[in-house]
Amino acid sequence: MTKNKDKKNSHLKNLPKIQVNNESLFKKELFRKLIHISSLWIPTVIYFCPQFVAMIVLLIFLLGDMILEYGNYKKLNWARKSFGFLFVRILRNKESSHKQFQFTGAVYVFTSALVCLYAFSPAIAALSMTVMLISDTFAAIVGSSVGKLHIHGRKTLEGTLAFLFSALFICWIFSFLGFVPLTYKMLVACLVATVAELYEDVIRIDDNFIVPLIIGVLLTV
């Protein structure tokens, strides 16, 4: 009797473990995106600081991060300790693998910020970076928490719509505050950026880099 009961309930043994893993993955992704939100100092510096000052600040952060990441890959003691303290909790598997050197998303964020600062007006550069930082966060949190309808790989319709509508709202806020004019280009830019974020794996360009450039170019032309 006991054996039969154990057999009947054996399939339930793994359920708590699966739930814990899913919850752990969600918390890790949430923590990653909170770091994204904390990076809103970047568009703030881009808009309010003189271009030369903003460029120096961003360049220092970019070079410092690249040195730290490469030092960690080479297993230098000082770099591994610093890198572990700053990034280990938020890295994806492909970023934490030591088989092949690969920069984290932070490098792409600073690089895109520098390109936007150089190529676009301060308002458009700040808007482009703000959309990338906030909309990517909304997409990830909504998609991983309530996303049900998968439309491409792990990307969900709910997360994709969260990206689009949050991007449009940010554009409206920037326009309402008088930073940029409200035009149809914003809708086009947000739609194209949403598609780029959705098909990041096909484009093979990090969304932290490509999304701000798409928005900046389409709002500038």
Protein backbone atom coordinates (compact mmCIF):
# COMPACT_ATOMS: atom_id res chain seq x y z
CA MET A 1 0.00 0.00 0.00
CA THR A 2 2.78 2.38 0.99
CA LYS A 3 4.78 1.50 -2.10
CA ASN A 4 1.81 2.19 -4.37
CA LYS A 5 1.23 5.49 -2.66
CA ASP A 6 4.88 6.42 -3.07
CA LYS A 7 4.71 5.56 -6.77
CA LYS A 8 1.55 7.60 -7.22
CA ASN A 9 3.10 10.68 -5.59
CA SER A 10 6.59 10.26 -7.00
CA HIS A 11 5.88 12.64 -9.89
CA LEU A 12 5.18 15.43 -7.38
CA LYS A 13 8.62 15.31 -5.78
CA ASN A 14 10.27 17.58 -8.31
CA LEU A 15 7.59 20.28 -8.30
CA PRO A 16 8.98 22.40 -5.44
CA LYS A 17 12.43 22.34 -7.04
CA ILE A 18 11.05 23.55 -10.40
CA GLN A 19 9.11 26.33 -8.73
CA VAL A 20 12.14 27.45 -6.76
CA ASN A 21 14.26 27.47 -9.93
CA ASN A 22 11.68 29.53 -11.82
CA GLU A 23 11.40 31.96 -8.94
CA SER A 24 15.18 32.19 -8.72
CA LEU A 25 15.46 32.93 -12.45
CA PHE A 26 12.83 35.64 -12.20
CA LYS A 27 14.58 37.28 -9.24
CA LYS A 28 17.90 37.19 -11.09
CA GLU A 29 16.33 38.79 -14.17
CA LEU A 30 14.60 41.37 -11.99
CA PHE A 31 17.90 42.23 -10.32
CA ARG A 32 19.56 42.57 -13.75
CA LYS A 33 16.91 45.00 -14.90
CA LEU A 34 17.07 47.04 -11.72
CA ILE A 35 20.72 47.58 -12.61
CA HIS A 36 19.46 48.74 -16.01
CA ILE A 37 17.18 51.26 -14.33
CA SER A 38 20.01 52.48 -12.09
CA SER A 39 21.94 53.29 -15.30
CA LEU A 40 19.55 56.16 -16.01
CA TRP A 41 22.37 58.39 -14.80
CA ILE A 42 23.81 57.89 -18.31
CA PRO A 43 21.09 59.80 -20.24
CA THR A 44 21.08 62.36 -17.42
CA VAL A 45 24.79 63.01 -17.94
CA ILE A 46 24.32 63.07 -21.73
CA TYR A 47 21.61 65.73 -21.57
CA PHE A 48 22.75 68.01 -18.75
CA CYS A 49 26.54 67.90 -19.03
CA PRO A 50 28.66 69.53 -21.74
CA GLN A 51 29.37 67.04 -24.51
CA PHE A 52 33.11 66.90 -23.79
CA VAL A 53 32.56 66.23 -20.07
CA ALA A 54 29.92 63.57 -20.75
CA MET A 55 32.20 61.88 -23.28
CA ILE A 56 35.11 61.75 -20.83
CA VAL A 57 32.89 60.31 -18.08
CA LEU A 58 31.44 57.62 -20.34
CA LEU A 59 34.84 56.78 -21.81
CA ILE A 60 36.32 56.30 -18.33
CA PHE A 61 33.50 53.93 -17.39
CA LEU A 62 33.80 52.04 -20.69
CA LEU A 63 37.57 51.54 -20.49
CA GLY A 64 37.40 50.69 -16.79
CA ASP A 65 34.72 48.08 -17.40
CA MET A 66 36.58 46.54 -20.35
CA ILE A 67 39.79 46.23 -18.32
CA LEU A 68 37.89 44.70 -15.41
CA GLU A 69 36.09 42.17 -17.60
CA TYR A 70 39.24 41.12 -19.44
CA GLY A 71 41.14 40.87 -16.17
CA ASN A 72 38.42 38.62 -14.82
CA TYR A 73 38.65 36.43 -17.94
CA LYS A 74 42.42 36.16 -17.43
CA LYS A 75 41.73 35.18 -13.80
CA LEU A 76 43.66 38.07 -12.30
CA ASN A 77 42.96 38.03 -8.58
CA TRP A 78 42.05 41.72 -8.18
CA ALA A 79 39.79 41.61 -11.23
CA ARG A 80 38.00 38.41 -10.24
CA LYS A 81 37.19 39.76 -6.78
CA SER A 82 35.92 43.08 -8.13
CA PHE A 83 34.06 41.50 -11.02
CA GLY A 84 32.45 38.91 -8.77
CA PHE A 85 31.27 41.57 -6.34
CA LEU A 86 29.80 43.76 -9.09
CA PHE A 87 28.45 41.38 -11.72
CA VAL A 88 28.19 37.69 -10.76
CA ARG A 89 24.60 37.95 -9.49
CA ILE A 90 23.36 39.47 -12.77
CA LEU A 91 25.26 37.57 -15.45
CA ARG A 92 23.62 35.20 -17.91
CA ASN A 93 25.28 31.82 -18.52
CA LYS A 94 26.90 32.91 -21.79
CA GLU A 95 28.39 35.97 -20.09
CA SER A 96 29.78 34.08 -17.10
CA SER A 97 31.34 31.28 -19.14
CA HIS A 98 35.14 31.26 -19.08
CA LYS A 99 35.51 29.09 -22.20
CA GLN A 100 35.48 32.12 -24.49
CA PHE A 101 35.91 35.79 -23.68
CA GLN A 102 32.74 37.79 -24.14
CA PHE A 103 31.92 41.30 -22.96
CA THR A 104 28.86 41.77 -20.77
CA GLY A 105 25.98 44.05 -21.68
CA ALA A 106 27.59 46.91 -19.72
CA VAL A 107 30.22 47.41 -22.43
CA TYR A 108 27.51 47.68 -25.09
CA VAL A 109 25.58 50.18 -22.97
CA PHE A 110 28.56 52.50 -22.58
CA THR A 111 29.55 52.09 -26.22
CA SER A 112 26.06 52.92 -27.49
CA ALA A 113 25.94 55.92 -25.13
CA LEU A 114 29.19 57.26 -26.58
CA VAL A 115 28.01 56.74 -30.17
CA CYS A 116 24.65 58.41 -29.45
CA LEU A 117 26.36 61.31 -27.70
CA TYR A 118 28.62 61.88 -30.70
CA ALA A 119 26.07 61.28 -33.48
CA PHE A 120 22.84 62.83 -32.18
CA SER A 121 21.63 65.90 -30.34
CA PRO A 122 21.75 65.65 -26.52
CA ALA A 123 17.95 65.35 -26.30
CA ILE A 124 17.68 62.55 -28.86
CA ALA A 125 20.71 60.76 -27.43
CA ALA A 126 19.22 60.92 -23.93
CA LEU A 127 15.82 59.76 -25.22
CA SER A 128 17.37 56.85 -27.12
CA MET A 129 19.29 55.62 -24.08
CA THR A 130 16.28 56.07 -21.78
CA VAL A 131 14.08 53.94 -24.04
CA MET A 132 16.69 51.19 -24.14
CA LEU A 133 17.16 51.16 -20.37
CA ILE A 134 13.51 51.37 -19.33
CA SER A 135 11.69 49.55 -22.14
CA ASP A 136 14.08 46.61 -22.07
CA THR A 137 13.44 46.39 -18.34
CA PHE A 138 9.67 46.42 -18.79
CA ALA A 139 9.85 43.82 -21.54
CA ALA A 140 11.94 41.43 -19.44
CA ILE A 141 9.89 41.78 -16.25
CA VAL A 142 6.49 41.53 -17.96
CA GLY A 143 7.62 38.70 -20.23
CA SER A 144 9.15 36.62 -17.42
CA SER A 145 6.32 37.22 -14.93
CA VAL A 146 3.08 37.13 -16.95
CA GLY A 147 4.20 36.30 -20.49
CA LYS A 148 2.33 33.30 -21.91
CA LEU A 149 2.28 33.67 -25.69
CA HIS A 150 5.75 33.01 -27.09
CA ILE A 151 6.27 34.61 -30.48
CA HIS A 152 10.03 34.20 -31.00
CA GLY A 153 12.24 31.97 -28.91
CA ARG A 154 11.82 32.98 -25.29
CA LYS A 155 10.32 36.36 -26.22
CA THR A 156 6.63 36.74 -25.48
CA LEU A 157 3.90 38.90 -26.96
CA GLU A 158 3.25 40.44 -23.54
CA GLY A 159 6.90 41.42 -23.09
CA THR A 160 7.14 42.77 -26.63
CA LEU A 161 4.04 44.93 -26.16
CA ALA A 162 5.45 46.16 -22.85
CA PHE A 163 8.57 47.27 -24.69
CA LEU A 164 6.59 49.08 -27.41
CA PHE A 165 4.11 50.90 -25.18
CA SER A 166 6.70 51.92 -22.60
CA ALA A 167 8.93 53.25 -25.42
CA LEU A 168 6.03 55.30 -26.81
CA PHE A 169 5.23 56.62 -23.34
CA ILE A 170 8.84 57.70 -22.80
CA CYS A 171 8.78 59.52 -26.15
CA TRP A 172 5.59 61.29 -25.09
CA ILE A 173 7.14 62.28 -21.73
CA PHE A 174 10.20 63.75 -23.45
CA SER A 175 7.91 65.66 -25.80
CA PHE A 176 5.63 66.83 -22.96
CA LEU A 177 8.67 68.17 -21.09
CA GLY A 178 9.75 70.05 -24.19
CA PHE A 179 12.96 68.11 -24.86
CA VAL A 180 11.93 66.89 -28.33
CA PRO A 181 8.99 67.61 -30.67
CA LEU A 182 6.18 65.06 -30.89
CA THR A 183 6.24 63.56 -34.41
CA TYR A 184 5.18 60.42 -36.28
CA LYS A 185 8.86 59.46 -36.36
CA MET A 186 8.56 58.40 -32.74
CA LEU A 187 6.03 55.72 -33.61
CA VAL A 188 8.20 54.45 -36.45
CA ALA A 189 11.34 54.47 -34.28
CA CYS A 190 9.63 52.60 -31.44
CA LEU A 191 8.17 49.98 -33.79
CA VAL A 192 11.51 49.31 -35.48
CA ALA A 193 13.32 49.22 -32.11
CA THR A 194 10.74 46.73 -30.82
CA VAL A 195 11.34 44.44 -33.80
CA ALA A 196 15.12 44.74 -33.31
CA GLU A 197 14.78 43.82 -29.64
CA LEU A 198 12.51 40.89 -30.50
CA TYR A 199 14.88 39.48 -33.14
CA GLU A 200 18.13 40.31 -31.37
CA ASP A 201 19.36 36.73 -31.84
CA VAL A 202 18.76 36.93 -35.60
CA ILE A 203 20.39 40.34 -36.00
CA ARG A 204 23.25 39.20 -33.76
CA ILE A 205 23.85 42.67 -32.40
CA ASP A 206 23.36 43.27 -28.69
CA ASP A 207 20.09 45.10 -28.06
CA ASN A 208 21.85 47.41 -25.59
CA PHE A 209 23.76 48.74 -28.61
CA ILE A 210 21.35 48.50 -31.54
CA VAL A 211 18.14 49.81 -29.93
CA PRO A 212 19.45 53.31 -29.02
CA LEU A 213 21.07 53.67 -32.45
CA ILE A 214 17.86 52.75 -34.26
CA ILE A 215 15.85 55.28 -32.28
CA GLY A 216 18.47 57.99 -32.64
CA VAL A 217 18.84 57.52 -36.40
CA LEU A 218 15.09 57.39 -37.11
CA LEU A 219 14.39 60.47 -34.99
CA THR A 220 17.23 62.39 -36.62
CA VAL A 221 16.66 61.69 -40.34
